Every structure is written in structure tokens, then in C-alpha cells.
Amino acid sequence: MRKAKTLLSVYLAYMLEYRAELFLWALAGVLPLILLGVWTEAGRSGDFPLSPGEFARYFLMVFLVRQATVVWVVWEFERDVVEGRLSFRLLRPLDPFWEHLAAHLAERLARLPFVVLLTLLFFYLFPEARFRPEPLPFLLGLLLTGLAFFLRYLMQYTTAMLTFWSERATAVEEVFFLLYLFLSGTIAPLEVFPEPLRHLALLTPFPYLVYLPAALLAGQEVSLFPGLWVMPLWGVVFLLLWRWLWRLGLRRYSGMGA
């Protein structure tokens, strides 16, 4: 606990030095708010399972979930390996996994005021999105948002292990990001997907990174299964894969003279 507190306080102070950059990062995630206008108009003019107000609430929650679950560890880890900084991290009595995790959690805290301001502005511009959430689904949505962040972090950290064999692990992450963008519910809620595509998407980890927590936070009727068992299953798969690639990668890294 002492190490965790120290890491969080140090990285929070580091993140607060770049407040303007944090604001730009928060603005970079406004794609759901842009799509909100598109789907709200589509809901008024077409036959869709969600009303314009439900579309507005859903995409607001997508914006908030993505702000809470954004991850960039693959770029940091790749730079550590390529520039040799990983050697210094390995001298510390702490797995680099936890240092990067602390940096991400501290960034969430530093980003929070900007996200709140953008949310208030959104409610002012789209009054039809205002609603009073039910306590139990809302709390469950917050819990799943936290789990989605850890799953997303674990997925990207596992991808980062490929840096031991290639200097472009970020290229693999960009492929995963395309799948994430289309299958997670960021572009459109899963209710508007064709039935076969929706069933296929639910077997992947992507809908549980955005769609499931966002739908619960928006107060929509959503099935918790298979999400409540698919999500931890993928977590275990990536956890085991990370540990395996980490051990193999360290042997290769040492063999390269590090």
C-alpha cells in the first residue's frame, strides 16, 4: 500500500504539470459526442430500437467510459525497450506493469475536472440527454467501467510484450484499435447491429470495454450475460499470455546485451 500511494502521488504530480495537454487529450475523445448528433437525427427520422433521447444518453456515457478507459501503455513500453530505458526499470524491485498502471490511474484523476466541464457543456447543449439514473444499474455500470479499464490495460500491455521481438508493436495495436472502434459500441450501439454480427461481437472482449458499461450507465435495458463471464474469461486469457510473453521476452532482452 505504501508503494502504491507513493507511485500514485508521484505520477499525479507529474500529470498535473501538463494540464493543457490533458485538456487536449480529453478533447481528442469527443468522437462519441460527434456521433451523438448523427444518431440522434437518425432516431428522429428512422425506425431504430432507441429513441433520440436514449441515443443522446448512450453516446454521452460512451464518451465518459472512453475517458475512463483510454490506455497508451504500448507506446510507452515500446519506447522503453527501443531506447533502453527498460534496463533501468528492471533494476527497481517492482514490475514495470505497476509503474505504468499507476501513471494511467493518476492521469484519470488529473483528467477528471476537464471531463466534468465537458459533460456539463454537453448537458447544456443537449437537454434531452438529462436523466436521473437508477442507483443499482448506475453503480454496476461504474464497476464494469473500472473492470473495462483493467481489461483494456491488460490487453494493450500484452500487445506491448511483442516489442521484445519487433520494434513496431504499436502497429499490431492499431489493428486491434480498428476492431475495438467498430465492435465496442463506440461507432454505434449494438442494438443497431445485424443479428449475426452482434452475436459475433459479444464473443470478443470489445463490447465489454465500452458498450456494456455505457448502456448500464445510460439506464438502458441490457443483458448482463454473457458479459459477466466473457469479460473475466478474456481477462484471464490476457493475464496468462502477458506473463508467458514477459518471461520469454526478458530472456531475449537479456540476450541482446541489456
C-alpha atoms as a PDB file:
ATOM      1  CA  MET A   1       0.000   0.000   0.000  1.00  0.00           C
ATOM      2  CA  ARG A   2       2.879   2.379   0.732  1.00  0.00           C
ATOM      3  CA  LYS A   3       4.385   1.738  -2.702  1.00  0.00           C
ATOM      4  CA  ALA A   4       1.004   2.235  -4.379  1.00  0.00           C
ATOM      5  CA  LYS A   5       0.418   5.521  -2.552  1.00  0.00           C
ATOM      6  CA  THR A   6       3.897   6.769  -3.474  1.00  0.00           C
ATOM      7  CA  LEU A   7       3.527   5.836  -7.135  1.00  0.00           C
ATOM      8  CA  LEU A   8       0.106   7.476  -7.408  1.00  0.00           C
ATOM      9  CA  SER A   9       1.223  10.694  -5.714  1.00  0.00           C
ATOM     10  CA  VAL A  10       4.376  10.966  -7.854  1.00  0.00           C
ATOM     11  CA  TYR A  11       2.592  10.323 -11.147  1.00  0.00           C
ATOM     12  CA  LEU A  12      -0.311  12.605 -10.189  1.00  0.00           C
ATOM     13  CA  ALA A  13       2.144  15.464  -9.604  1.00  0.00           C
ATOM     14  CA  TYR A  14       3.782  14.628 -12.930  1.00  0.00           C
ATOM     15  CA  MET A  15       0.450  14.640 -14.785  1.00  0.00           C
ATOM     16  CA  LEU A  16      -0.640  17.936 -13.223  1.00  0.00           C
ATOM     17  CA  GLU A  17       2.394  19.618 -14.798  1.00  0.00           C
ATOM     18  CA  TYR A  18       0.771  19.115 -18.199  1.00  0.00           C
ATOM     19  CA  ARG A  19      -2.770  20.369 -17.584  1.00  0.00           C
ATOM     20  CA  ALA A  20      -3.152  21.936 -21.036  1.00  0.00           C
ATOM     21  CA  GLU A  21      -2.073  18.683 -22.661  1.00  0.00           C
ATOM     22  CA  LEU A  22      -4.596  16.763 -20.553  1.00  0.00           C
ATOM     23  CA  PHE A  23      -7.341  19.085 -21.785  1.00  0.00           C
ATOM     24  CA  LEU A  24      -6.330  18.363 -25.383  1.00  0.00           C
ATOM     25  CA  TRP A  25      -6.347  14.615 -24.655  1.00  0.00           C
ATOM     26  CA  ALA A  26      -9.852  14.928 -23.247  1.00  0.00           C
ATOM     27  CA  LEU A  27     -10.977  16.848 -26.351  1.00  0.00           C
ATOM     28  CA  ALA A  28      -9.441  14.144 -28.550  1.00  0.00           C
ATOM     29  CA  GLY A  29     -12.040  11.716 -27.233  1.00  0.00           C
ATOM     30  CA  VAL A  30     -15.123  13.672 -28.363  1.00  0.00           C
ATOM     31  CA  LEU A  31     -15.879  11.316 -31.283  1.00  0.00           C
ATOM     32  CA  PRO A  32     -18.917   9.865 -29.413  1.00  0.00           C
ATOM     33  CA  LEU A  33     -20.318  13.382 -28.991  1.00  0.00           C
ATOM     34  CA  ILE A  34     -19.998  13.945 -32.741  1.00  0.00           C
ATOM     35  CA  LEU A  35     -21.710  10.633 -33.465  1.00  0.00           C
ATOM     36  CA  LEU A  36     -24.401  11.596 -30.969  1.00  0.00           C
ATOM     37  CA  GLY A  37     -25.729  14.256 -33.330  1.00  0.00           C
ATOM     38  CA  VAL A  38     -25.755  11.796 -36.225  1.00  0.00           C
ATOM     39  CA  TRP A  39     -27.610   9.041 -34.376  1.00  0.00           C
ATOM     40  CA  THR A  40     -29.997  11.445 -32.648  1.00  0.00           C
ATOM     41  CA  GLU A  41     -31.147  12.735 -36.032  1.00  0.00           C
ATOM     42  CA  ALA A  42     -31.338   9.166 -37.332  1.00  0.00           C
ATOM     43  CA  GLY A  43     -33.512   8.251 -34.354  1.00  0.00           C
ATOM     44  CA  ARG A  44     -35.933  11.056 -35.225  1.00  0.00           C
ATOM     45  CA  SER A  45     -36.242  10.108 -38.871  1.00  0.00           C
ATOM     46  CA  GLY A  46     -35.882   6.311 -38.884  1.00  0.00           C
ATOM     47  CA  ASP A  47     -37.086   3.165 -37.194  1.00  0.00           C
ATOM     48  CA  PHE A  48     -34.475   2.364 -34.554  1.00  0.00           C
ATOM     49  CA  PRO A  49     -34.688   0.487 -31.227  1.00  0.00           C
ATOM     50  CA  LEU A  50     -33.551   3.609 -29.324  1.00  0.00           C
ATOM     51  CA  SER A  51     -35.260   6.992 -29.117  1.00  0.00           C
ATOM     52  CA  PRO A  52     -33.337  10.241 -29.820  1.00  0.00           C
ATOM     53  CA  GLY A  53     -33.016  10.858 -26.066  1.00  0.00           C
ATOM     54  CA  GLU A  54     -31.714   7.330 -25.484  1.00  0.00           C
ATOM     55  CA  PHE A  55     -29.165   7.778 -28.259  1.00  0.00           C
ATOM     56  CA  ALA A  56     -28.019  11.041 -26.647  1.00  0.00           C
ATOM     57  CA  ARG A  57     -27.646   9.452 -23.207  1.00  0.00           C
ATOM     58  CA  TYR A  58     -25.872   6.409 -24.624  1.00  0.00           C
ATOM     59  CA  PHE A  59     -23.230   8.388 -26.517  1.00  0.00           C
ATOM     60  CA  LEU A  60     -22.652  10.663 -23.546  1.00  0.00           C
ATOM     61  CA  MET A  61     -21.892   7.562 -21.473  1.00  0.00           C
ATOM     62  CA  VAL A  62     -19.683   6.218 -24.271  1.00  0.00           C
ATOM     63  CA  PHE A  63     -17.724   9.458 -24.048  1.00  0.00           C
ATOM     64  CA  LEU A  64     -17.354   9.101 -20.261  1.00  0.00           C
ATOM     65  CA  VAL A  65     -16.444   5.398 -20.408  1.00  0.00           C
ATOM     66  CA  ARG A  66     -13.799   6.029 -23.059  1.00  0.00           C
ATOM     67  CA  GLN A  67     -12.369   8.884 -20.997  1.00  0.00           C
ATOM     68  CA  ALA A  68     -12.046   6.466 -18.076  1.00  0.00           C
ATOM     69  CA  THR A  69     -10.600   3.579 -20.090  1.00  0.00           C
ATOM     70  CA  VAL A  70      -8.144   5.220 -22.510  1.00  0.00           C
ATOM     71  CA  VAL A  71      -4.783   3.385 -22.482  1.00  0.00           C
ATOM     72  CA  TRP A  72      -1.440   4.210 -24.122  1.00  0.00           C
ATOM     73  CA  VAL A  73       0.951   1.777 -22.398  1.00  0.00           C
ATOM     74  CA  VAL A  74       2.032   0.052 -25.636  1.00  0.00           C
ATOM     75  CA  TRP A  75       3.629   3.289 -26.895  1.00  0.00           C
ATOM     76  CA  GLU A  76       5.409   3.861 -23.577  1.00  0.00           C
ATOM     77  CA  PHE A  77       6.676   0.293 -23.298  1.00  0.00           C
ATOM     78  CA  GLU A  78       7.847   0.247 -26.912  1.00  0.00           C
ATOM     79  CA  ARG A  79       9.849   3.414 -26.299  1.00  0.00           C
ATOM     80  CA  ASP A  80      11.335   1.920 -23.114  1.00  0.00           C
ATOM     81  CA  VAL A  81      12.605  -1.130 -24.991  1.00  0.00           C
ATOM     82  CA  VAL A  82      13.817   0.682 -28.109  1.00  0.00           C
ATOM     83  CA  GLU A  83      15.618   3.412 -26.142  1.00  0.00           C
ATOM     84  CA  GLY A  84      16.967   1.049 -23.468  1.00  0.00           C
ATOM     85  CA  ARG A  85      15.056   2.625 -20.588  1.00  0.00           C
ATOM     86  CA  LEU A  86      13.597  -0.735 -19.636  1.00  0.00           C
ATOM     87  CA  SER A  87      17.025  -1.732 -18.263  1.00  0.00           C
ATOM     88  CA  PHE A  88      16.752   0.954 -15.583  1.00  0.00           C
ATOM     89  CA  ARG A  89      13.196  -0.051 -14.739  1.00  0.00           C
ATOM     90  CA  LEU A  90      14.300  -3.653 -14.258  1.00  0.00           C
ATOM     91  CA  LEU A  91      16.780  -2.533 -11.583  1.00  0.00           C
ATOM     92  CA  ARG A  92      13.879  -1.471  -9.374  1.00  0.00           C
ATOM     93  CA  PRO A  93      12.209  -4.032  -7.070  1.00  0.00           C
ATOM     94  CA  LEU A  94       8.877  -3.514  -8.834  1.00  0.00           C
ATOM     95  CA  ASP A  95       7.428  -4.888 -12.040  1.00  0.00           C
ATOM     96  CA  PRO A  96       7.115  -2.097 -14.684  1.00  0.00           C
ATOM     97  CA  PHE A  97       3.498  -3.227 -15.079  1.00  0.00           C
ATOM     98  CA  TRP A  98       2.630  -1.445 -11.823  1.00  0.00           C
ATOM     99  CA  GLU A  99       4.502   1.752 -12.675  1.00  0.00           C
ATOM    100  CA  HIS A 100       2.629   2.157 -15.944  1.00  0.00           C
ATOM    101  CA  LEU A 101      -0.650   1.289 -14.214  1.00  0.00           C
ATOM    102  CA  ALA A 102      -0.048   3.982 -11.576  1.00  0.00           C
ATOM    103  CA  ALA A 103       0.626   6.527 -14.330  1.00  0.00           C
ATOM    104  CA  HIS A 104      -2.688   5.662 -16.000  1.00  0.00           C
ATOM    105  CA  LEU A 105      -4.667   5.893 -12.742  1.00  0.00           C
ATOM    106  CA  ALA A 106      -3.057   9.234 -11.859  1.00  0.00           C
ATOM    107  CA  GLU A 107      -3.906  10.552 -15.320  1.00  0.00           C
ATOM    108  CA  ARG A 108      -7.571   9.643 -14.705  1.00  0.00           C
ATOM    109  CA  LEU A 109      -7.603  11.806 -11.580  1.00  0.00           C
ATOM    110  CA  ALA A 110      -5.891  14.711 -13.335  1.00  0.00           C
ATOM    111  CA  ARG A 111      -8.247  14.482 -16.325  1.00  0.00           C
ATOM    112  CA  LEU A 112     -11.425  14.405 -14.192  1.00  0.00           C
ATOM    113  CA  PRO A 113     -12.079  18.198 -13.948  1.00  0.00           C
ATOM    114  CA  PHE A 114     -11.896  18.608 -17.740  1.00  0.00           C
ATOM    115  CA  VAL A 115     -14.267  15.673 -18.267  1.00  0.00           C
ATOM    116  CA  VAL A 116     -16.769  17.166 -15.794  1.00  0.00           C
ATOM    117  CA  LEU A 117     -16.670  20.531 -17.611  1.00  0.00           C
ATOM    118  CA  LEU A 118     -17.234  18.872 -20.996  1.00  0.00           C
ATOM    119  CA  THR A 119     -20.131  16.848 -19.567  1.00  0.00           C
ATOM    120  CA  LEU A 120     -21.825  19.958 -18.167  1.00  0.00           C
ATOM    121  CA  LEU A 121     -21.398  21.669 -21.538  1.00  0.00           C
ATOM    122  CA  PHE A 122     -22.937  18.639 -23.200  1.00  0.00           C
ATOM    123  CA  PHE A 123     -25.999  18.730 -20.922  1.00  0.00           C
ATOM    124  CA  TYR A 124     -26.414  22.414 -21.735  1.00  0.00           C
ATOM    125  CA  LEU A 125     -26.297  21.777 -25.490  1.00  0.00           C
ATOM    126  CA  PHE A 126     -28.434  18.595 -25.387  1.00  0.00           C
ATOM    127  CA  PRO A 127     -31.075  18.974 -22.654  1.00  0.00           C
ATOM    128  CA  GLU A 128     -32.889  15.858 -23.939  1.00  0.00           C
ATOM    129  CA  ALA A 129     -29.985  13.785 -22.605  1.00  0.00           C
ATOM    130  CA  ARG A 130     -30.675  14.779 -18.993  1.00  0.00           C
ATOM    131  CA  PHE A 131     -31.986  11.912 -16.874  1.00  0.00           C
ATOM    132  CA  ARG A 132     -31.993  10.558 -13.331  1.00  0.00           C
ATOM    133  CA  PRO A 133     -30.175   7.200 -13.274  1.00  0.00           C
ATOM    134  CA  GLU A 134     -31.366   4.224 -11.260  1.00  0.00           C
ATOM    135  CA  PRO A 135     -28.887   3.630  -8.395  1.00  0.00           C
ATOM    136  CA  LEU A 136     -28.234  -0.104  -8.871  1.00  0.00           C
ATOM    137  CA  PRO A 137     -27.623  -0.149 -12.667  1.00  0.00           C
ATOM    138  CA  PHE A 138     -25.566   3.036 -12.365  1.00  0.00           C
ATOM    139  CA  LEU A 139     -23.321   1.566  -9.654  1.00  0.00           C
ATOM    140  CA  LEU A 140     -22.965  -1.636 -11.664  1.00  0.00           C
ATOM    141  CA  GLY A 141     -22.037   0.447 -14.709  1.00  0.00           C
ATOM    142  CA  LEU A 142     -19.323   2.211 -12.679  1.00  0.00           C
ATOM    143  CA  LEU A 143     -17.984  -1.152 -11.516  1.00  0.00           C
ATOM    144  CA  LEU A 144     -17.904  -2.501 -15.062  1.00  0.00           C
ATOM    145  CA  THR A 145     -16.195   0.696 -16.234  1.00  0.00           C
ATOM    146  CA  GLY A 146     -13.387   0.008 -13.777  1.00  0.00           C
ATOM    147  CA  LEU A 147     -13.155  -3.606 -14.940  1.00  0.00           C
ATOM    148  CA  ALA A 148     -13.187  -2.446 -18.572  1.00  0.00           C
ATOM    149  CA  PHE A 149     -10.202  -0.197 -17.888  1.00  0.00           C
ATOM    150  CA  PHE A 150      -8.192  -3.036 -16.340  1.00  0.00           C
ATOM    151  CA  LEU A 151      -9.106  -5.381 -19.194  1.00  0.00           C
ATOM    152  CA  ARG A 152      -8.162  -2.761 -21.788  1.00  0.00           C
ATOM    153  CA  TYR A 153      -4.900  -2.080 -19.973  1.00  0.00           C
ATOM    154  CA  LEU A 154      -4.099  -5.788 -19.737  1.00  0.00           C
ATOM    155  CA  MET A 155      -4.867  -6.304 -23.440  1.00  0.00           C
ATOM    156  CA  GLN A 156      -2.601  -3.453 -24.508  1.00  0.00           C
ATOM    157  CA  TYR A 157       0.177  -4.402 -22.093  1.00  0.00           C
ATOM    158  CA  THR A 158       0.123  -7.923 -23.522  1.00  0.00           C
ATOM    159  CA  THR A 159       0.419  -6.450 -27.023  1.00  0.00           C
ATOM    160  CA  ALA A 160       3.340  -4.355 -25.773  1.00  0.00           C
ATOM    161  CA  MET A 161       5.258  -7.559 -24.990  1.00  0.00           C
ATOM    162  CA  LEU A 162       5.669  -8.051 -28.744  1.00  0.00           C
ATOM    163  CA  THR A 163       8.213  -5.213 -28.623  1.00  0.00           C
ATOM    164  CA  PHE A 164      10.785  -7.789 -27.499  1.00  0.00           C
ATOM    165  CA  TRP A 165      10.539  -9.339 -30.978  1.00  0.00           C
ATOM    166  CA  SER A 166       9.552  -6.326 -33.078  1.00  0.00           C
ATOM    167  CA  GLU A 167      10.098  -2.589 -32.752  1.00  0.00           C
ATOM    168  CA  ARG A 168       6.599  -1.890 -34.069  1.00  0.00           C
ATOM    169  CA  ALA A 169       4.237  -3.448 -31.547  1.00  0.00           C
ATOM    170  CA  THR A 170       2.149  -0.290 -31.933  1.00  0.00           C
ATOM    171  CA  ALA A 171       1.282  -1.417 -35.483  1.00  0.00           C
ATOM    172  CA  VAL A 172      -0.400  -4.505 -34.003  1.00  0.00           C
ATOM    173  CA  GLU A 173      -2.240  -2.289 -31.522  1.00  0.00           C
ATOM    174  CA  GLU A 174      -3.547  -0.143 -34.388  1.00  0.00           C
ATOM    175  CA  VAL A 175      -5.136  -3.251 -35.928  1.00  0.00           C
ATOM    176  CA  PHE A 176      -6.759  -4.077 -32.586  1.00  0.00           C
ATOM    177  CA  PHE A 177      -7.940  -0.465 -32.336  1.00  0.00           C
ATOM    178  CA  LEU A 178      -9.889  -0.785 -35.587  1.00  0.00           C
ATOM    179  CA  LEU A 179     -11.670  -3.853 -34.203  1.00  0.00           C
ATOM    180  CA  TYR A 180     -12.214  -2.023 -30.922  1.00  0.00           C
ATOM    181  CA  LEU A 181     -13.678   1.006 -32.694  1.00  0.00           C
ATOM    182  CA  PHE A 182     -16.283  -0.971 -34.648  1.00  0.00           C
ATOM    183  CA  LEU A 183     -17.120  -3.816 -32.241  1.00  0.00           C
ATOM    184  CA  SER A 184     -17.066  -1.973 -28.909  1.00  0.00           C
ATOM    185  CA  GLY A 185     -20.191   0.115 -29.479  1.00  0.00           C
ATOM    186  CA  THR A 186     -18.245   3.342 -29.966  1.00  0.00           C
ATOM    187  CA  ILE A 187     -19.482   3.929 -33.518  1.00  0.00           C
ATOM    188  CA  ALA A 188     -22.995   2.590 -32.900  1.00  0.00           C
ATOM    189  CA  PRO A 189     -24.806   0.780 -30.075  1.00  0.00           C
ATOM    190  CA  LEU A 190     -25.021  -2.966 -30.512  1.00  0.00           C
ATOM    191  CA  GLU A 191     -28.821  -2.765 -30.792  1.00  0.00           C
ATOM    192  CA  VAL A 192     -28.489  -1.460 -34.355  1.00  0.00           C
ATOM    193  CA  PHE A 193     -26.038  -4.206 -35.425  1.00  0.00           C
ATOM    194  CA  PRO A 194     -27.273  -7.056 -37.639  1.00  0.00           C
ATOM    195  CA  GLU A 195     -28.087 -10.102 -35.513  1.00  0.00           C
ATOM    196  CA  PRO A 196     -25.165 -12.325 -36.688  1.00  0.00           C
ATOM    197  CA  LEU A 197     -22.646  -9.515 -36.219  1.00  0.00           C
ATOM    198  CA  ARG A 198     -23.974  -8.715 -32.748  1.00  0.00           C
ATOM    199  CA  HIS A 199     -23.643 -12.343 -31.612  1.00  0.00           C
ATOM    200  CA  LEU A 200     -20.118 -12.485 -33.022  1.00  0.00           C
ATOM    201  CA  ALA A 201     -19.146  -9.220 -31.324  1.00  0.00           C
ATOM    202  CA  LEU A 202     -20.375 -10.477 -27.932  1.00  0.00           C
ATOM    203  CA  LEU A 203     -17.842 -13.319 -28.066  1.00  0.00           C
ATOM    204  CA  THR A 204     -14.966 -10.831 -28.344  1.00  0.00           C
ATOM    205  CA  PRO A 205     -13.738  -8.633 -25.453  1.00  0.00           C
ATOM    206  CA  PHE A 206     -14.521  -5.377 -27.275  1.00  0.00           C
ATOM    207  CA  PRO A 207     -18.229  -4.784 -26.405  1.00  0.00           C
ATOM    208  CA  TYR A 208     -17.405  -5.086 -22.707  1.00  0.00           C
ATOM    209  CA  LEU A 209     -14.868  -2.290 -22.951  1.00  0.00           C
ATOM    210  CA  VAL A 210     -17.474   0.328 -23.919  1.00  0.00           C
ATOM    211  CA  TYR A 211     -20.972  -0.888 -24.795  1.00  0.00           C
ATOM    212  CA  LEU A 212     -21.923  -2.826 -21.650  1.00  0.00           C
ATOM    213  CA  PRO A 213     -20.847  -0.219 -19.052  1.00  0.00           C
ATOM    214  CA  ALA A 214     -22.126   2.671 -21.200  1.00  0.00           C
ATOM    215  CA  ALA A 215     -25.552   1.080 -21.695  1.00  0.00           C
ATOM    216  CA  LEU A 216     -25.891   0.415 -17.955  1.00  0.00           C
ATOM    217  CA  LEU A 217     -24.851   3.969 -17.064  1.00  0.00           C
ATOM    218  CA  ALA A 218     -27.373   5.306 -19.602  1.00  0.00           C
ATOM    219  CA  GLY A 219     -30.176   3.351 -17.901  1.00  0.00           C
ATOM    220  CA  GLN A 220     -30.880   1.038 -20.835  1.00  0.00           C
ATOM    221  CA  GLU A 221     -32.254  -2.468 -20.528  1.00  0.00           C
ATOM    222  CA  VAL A 222     -29.233  -4.630 -21.250  1.00  0.00           C
ATOM    223  CA  SER A 223     -28.479  -8.296 -20.655  1.00  0.00           C
ATOM    224  CA  LEU A 224     -25.597  -8.893 -18.260  1.00  0.00           C
ATOM    225  CA  PHE A 225     -24.894 -12.264 -19.803  1.00  0.00           C
ATOM    226  CA  PRO A 226     -22.736 -13.418 -21.474  1.00  0.00           C
ATOM    227  CA  GLY A 227     -20.775 -10.294 -20.496  1.00  0.00           C
ATOM    228  CA  LEU A 228     -20.272 -11.179 -16.830  1.00  0.00           C
ATOM    229  CA  TRP A 229     -18.462 -14.395 -17.753  1.00  0.00           C
ATOM    230  CA  VAL A 230     -16.897 -13.440 -21.112  1.00  0.00           C
ATOM    231  CA  MET A 231     -15.218 -10.369 -19.587  1.00  0.00           C
ATOM    232  CA  PRO A 232     -13.314 -12.194 -16.792  1.00  0.00           C
ATOM    233  CA  LEU A 233     -12.561 -15.066 -19.178  1.00  0.00           C
ATOM    234  CA  TRP A 234     -10.739 -12.718 -21.561  1.00  0.00           C
ATOM    235  CA  GLY A 235      -9.040 -11.142 -18.556  1.00  0.00           C
ATOM    236  CA  VAL A 236      -7.593 -14.497 -17.506  1.00  0.00           C
ATOM    237  CA  VAL A 237      -6.507 -15.262 -21.100  1.00  0.00           C
ATOM    238  CA  PHE A 238      -4.598 -11.985 -21.450  1.00  0.00           C
ATOM    239  CA  LEU A 239      -3.164 -12.277 -17.929  1.00  0.00           C
ATOM    240  CA  LEU A 240      -1.651 -15.699 -18.681  1.00  0.00           C
ATOM    241  CA  LEU A 241      -0.493 -14.569 -22.113  1.00  0.00           C
ATOM    242  CA  TRP A 242       1.190 -11.477 -20.626  1.00  0.00           C
ATOM    243  CA  ARG A 243       3.109 -13.478 -18.021  1.00  0.00           C
ATOM    244  CA  TRP A 244       4.236 -16.004 -20.618  1.00  0.00           C
ATOM    245  CA  LEU A 245       5.396 -13.359 -23.117  1.00  0.00           C
ATOM    246  CA  TRP A 246       7.054 -11.363 -20.324  1.00  0.00           C
ATOM    247  CA  ARG A 247       9.251 -14.293 -19.272  1.00  0.00           C
ATOM    248  CA  LEU A 248      10.179 -15.158 -22.848  1.00  0.00           C
ATOM    249  CA  GLY A 249      10.771 -11.517 -23.673  1.00  0.00           C
ATOM    250  CA  LEU A 250      13.095 -10.916 -20.715  1.00  0.00           C
ATOM    251  CA  ARG A 251      15.298 -13.807 -21.843  1.00  0.00           C
ATOM    252  CA  ARG A 252      15.500 -12.314 -25.315  1.00  0.00           C
ATOM    253  CA  TYR A 253      16.114  -8.817 -23.922  1.00  0.00           C
ATOM    254  CA  SER A 254      18.977 -10.102 -21.756  1.00  0.00           C
ATOM    255  CA  GLY A 255      20.385 -11.996 -24.708  1.00  0.00           C
ATOM    256  CA  MET A 256      20.573  -8.727 -26.666  1.00  0.00           C
ATOM    257  CA  GLY A 257      23.038  -7.384 -24.093  1.00  0.00           C
ATOM    258  CA  ALA A 258      20.665  -5.430 -21.826  1.00  0.00           C
END
